[in-house]
C-alpha atoms as a PDB file:
ATOM      1  CA  UNK A   1     108.748  95.004 105.077  1.00  0.00           C
ATOM      2  CA  UNK A   2     108.305  98.519 105.003  1.00  0.00           C
ATOM      3  CA  UNK A   3     104.733  98.444 104.766  1.00  0.00           C
ATOM      4  CA  UNK A   4     104.090  94.517 106.273  1.00  0.00           C
ATOM      5  CA  UNK A   5     102.314  95.002 108.861  1.00  0.00           C
ATOM      6  CA  UNK A   6     100.335  97.605 107.536  1.00  0.00           C
ATOM      7  CA  UNK A   7      99.249  95.596 104.316  1.00  0.00           C
ATOM      8  CA  UNK A   8      98.515  92.533 107.543  1.00  0.00           C
ATOM      9  CA  UNK A   9      96.732  95.001 108.601  1.00  0.00           C
ATOM     10  CA  UNK A  10      93.782  95.636 105.509  1.00  0.00           C
ATOM     11  CA  UNK A  11      92.108  91.867 106.507  1.00  0.00           C
ATOM     12  CA  UNK A  12      91.305  93.249 110.141  1.00  0.00           C
ATOM     13  CA  UNK A  13      89.634  97.056 109.179  1.00  0.00           C
ATOM     14  CA  UNK A  14      87.140  95.244 106.927  1.00  0.00           C
ATOM     15  CA  UNK A  15      89.032  94.714 103.061  1.00  0.00           C
ATOM     16  CA  UNK A  16      89.043  91.809 101.619  1.00  0.00           C
ATOM     17  CA  UNK A  17      92.848  91.076 100.105  1.00  0.00           C
ATOM     18  CA  UNK A  18      92.489  88.411  97.230  1.00  0.00           C
ATOM     19  CA  UNK A  19      95.524  86.964  95.198  1.00  0.00           C
ATOM     20  CA  UNK A  20      96.729  89.184  91.913  1.00  0.00           C
ATOM     21  CA  UNK A  21      99.622  85.744  91.575  1.00  0.00           C
ATOM     22  CA  UNK A  22     103.587  86.677  92.766  1.00  0.00           C
ATOM     23  CA  UNK A  23     105.226  87.614  90.336  1.00  0.00           C
ATOM     24  CA  UNK A  24     102.134  88.883  87.382  1.00  0.00           C
ATOM     25  CA  UNK A  25     105.275  88.682  84.557  1.00  0.00           C
ATOM     26  CA  UNK A  26     104.552  88.007  81.119  1.00  0.00           C
ATOM     27  CA  UNK A  27     105.201  84.160  81.495  1.00  0.00           C
ATOM     28  CA  UNK A  28     101.840  83.906  84.419  1.00  0.00           C
ATOM     29  CA  UNK A  29      99.653  85.926  82.315  1.00  0.00           C
ATOM     30  CA  UNK A  30     100.266  84.488  79.387  1.00  0.00           C
ATOM     31  CA  UNK A  31      99.890  80.985  80.931  1.00  0.00           C
ATOM     32  CA  UNK A  32      96.506  82.377  82.139  1.00  0.00           C
ATOM     33  CA  UNK A  33      95.329  83.418  79.073  1.00  0.00           C
ATOM     34  CA  UNK A  34      96.645  80.229  77.119  1.00  0.00           C
ATOM     35  CA  UNK A  35      95.399  78.212  80.471  1.00  0.00           C
ATOM     36  CA  UNK A  36      99.509  76.118  79.691  1.00  0.00           C
ATOM     37  CA  UNK A  37     102.151  75.797  81.704  1.00  0.00           C
ATOM     38  CA  UNK A  38     100.215  75.668  85.178  1.00  0.00           C
ATOM     39  CA  UNK A  39     102.279  73.026  85.902  1.00  0.00           C
ATOM     40  CA  UNK A  40     105.134  75.340  87.208  1.00  0.00           C
ATOM     41  CA  UNK A  41     102.393  75.842  90.364  1.00  0.00           C
ATOM     42  CA  UNK A  42     102.738  79.542  90.728  1.00  0.00           C
ATOM     43  CA  UNK A  43      99.442  79.666  91.372  1.00  0.00           C
ATOM     44  CA  UNK A  44      99.335  76.766  94.348  1.00  0.00           C
ATOM     45  CA  UNK A  45     102.316  79.811  95.243  1.00  0.00           C
ATOM     46  CA  UNK A  46     101.662  82.319  95.266  1.00  0.00           C
ATOM     47  CA  UNK A  47      98.648  81.468  97.363  1.00  0.00           C
ATOM     48  CA  UNK A  48     101.396  79.501 100.017  1.00  0.00           C
ATOM     49  CA  UNK A  49     102.799  82.989 100.257  1.00  0.00           C
ATOM     50  CA  UNK A  50      99.400  84.401 100.717  1.00  0.00           C
ATOM     51  CA  UNK A  51      98.449  82.226 103.311  1.00  0.00           C
ATOM     52  CA  UNK A  52     101.996  82.471 105.788  1.00  0.00           C
ATOM     53  CA  UNK A  53     101.874  86.454 105.206  1.00  0.00           C
ATOM     54  CA  UNK A  54      98.398  86.945 105.678  1.00  0.00           C
ATOM     55  CA  UNK A  55      97.686  83.728 108.022  1.00  0.00           C
ATOM     56  CA  UNK A  56      95.276  83.071 106.003  1.00  0.00           C
ATOM     57  CA  UNK A  57      94.597  81.235 102.102  1.00  0.00           C
ATOM     58  CA  UNK A  58      92.754  83.916  99.396  1.00  0.00           C
ATOM     59  CA  UNK A  59      89.051  83.256  98.433  1.00  0.00           C
ATOM     60  CA  UNK A  60      89.170  85.716  95.846  1.00  0.00           C
ATOM     61  CA  UNK A  61      91.563  85.944  92.859  1.00  0.00           C
ATOM     62  CA  UNK A  62      92.724  89.533  90.761  1.00  0.00           C
ATOM     63  CA  UNK A  63      94.354  88.383  87.042  1.00  0.00           C
ATOM     64  CA  UNK A  64      97.246  90.486  86.379  1.00  0.00           C
ATOM     65  CA  UNK A  65      97.340  92.973  83.652  1.00  0.00           C
ATOM     66  CA  UNK A  66      93.067  91.987  83.459  1.00  0.00           C
ATOM     67  CA  UNK A  67      93.506  89.461  81.616  1.00  0.00           C
ATOM     68  CA  UNK A  68      91.134  86.810  80.413  1.00  0.00           C
ATOM     69  CA  UNK A  69      91.457  83.356  81.852  1.00  0.00           C
ATOM     70  CA  UNK A  70      91.320  79.692  80.096  1.00  0.00           C
ATOM     71  CA  UNK A  71      89.208  78.170  81.312  1.00  0.00           C
ATOM     72  CA  UNK A  72      91.858  75.121  82.854  1.00  0.00           C
ATOM     73  CA  UNK A  73      93.027  78.496  85.072  1.00  0.00           C
ATOM     74  CA  UNK A  74      89.524  78.548  86.497  1.00  0.00           C
ATOM     75  CA  UNK A  75      89.948  74.987  86.913  1.00  0.00           C
ATOM     76  CA  UNK A  76      92.956  75.240  88.294  1.00  0.00           C
ATOM     77  CA  UNK A  77      91.831  78.602  91.090  1.00  0.00           C
ATOM     78  CA  UNK A  78      88.614  76.870  91.811  1.00  0.00           C
ATOM     79  CA  UNK A  79      90.929  73.565  93.036  1.00  0.00           C
ATOM     80  CA  UNK A  80      93.272  76.114  94.792  1.00  0.00           C
ATOM     81  CA  UNK A  81      90.042  77.064  97.388  1.00  0.00           C
END
């Protein structure tokens, strides 16, 4: 809450705000790298949280920890837009 207004102003200031997952914990990183457990919905959940906060869905994604993405993770992200 402390930085919410400042964060919401970033797109208007010309910054692209991408998704980075919501928790970016080990479970998410392992799922992205292995391409498993994507049915948990954390990618769509993260997209929804971003859309609710910024008023629009993200169009870019940066994996947490700069982890490599499995082909199925890339497919899931592409399906989400």
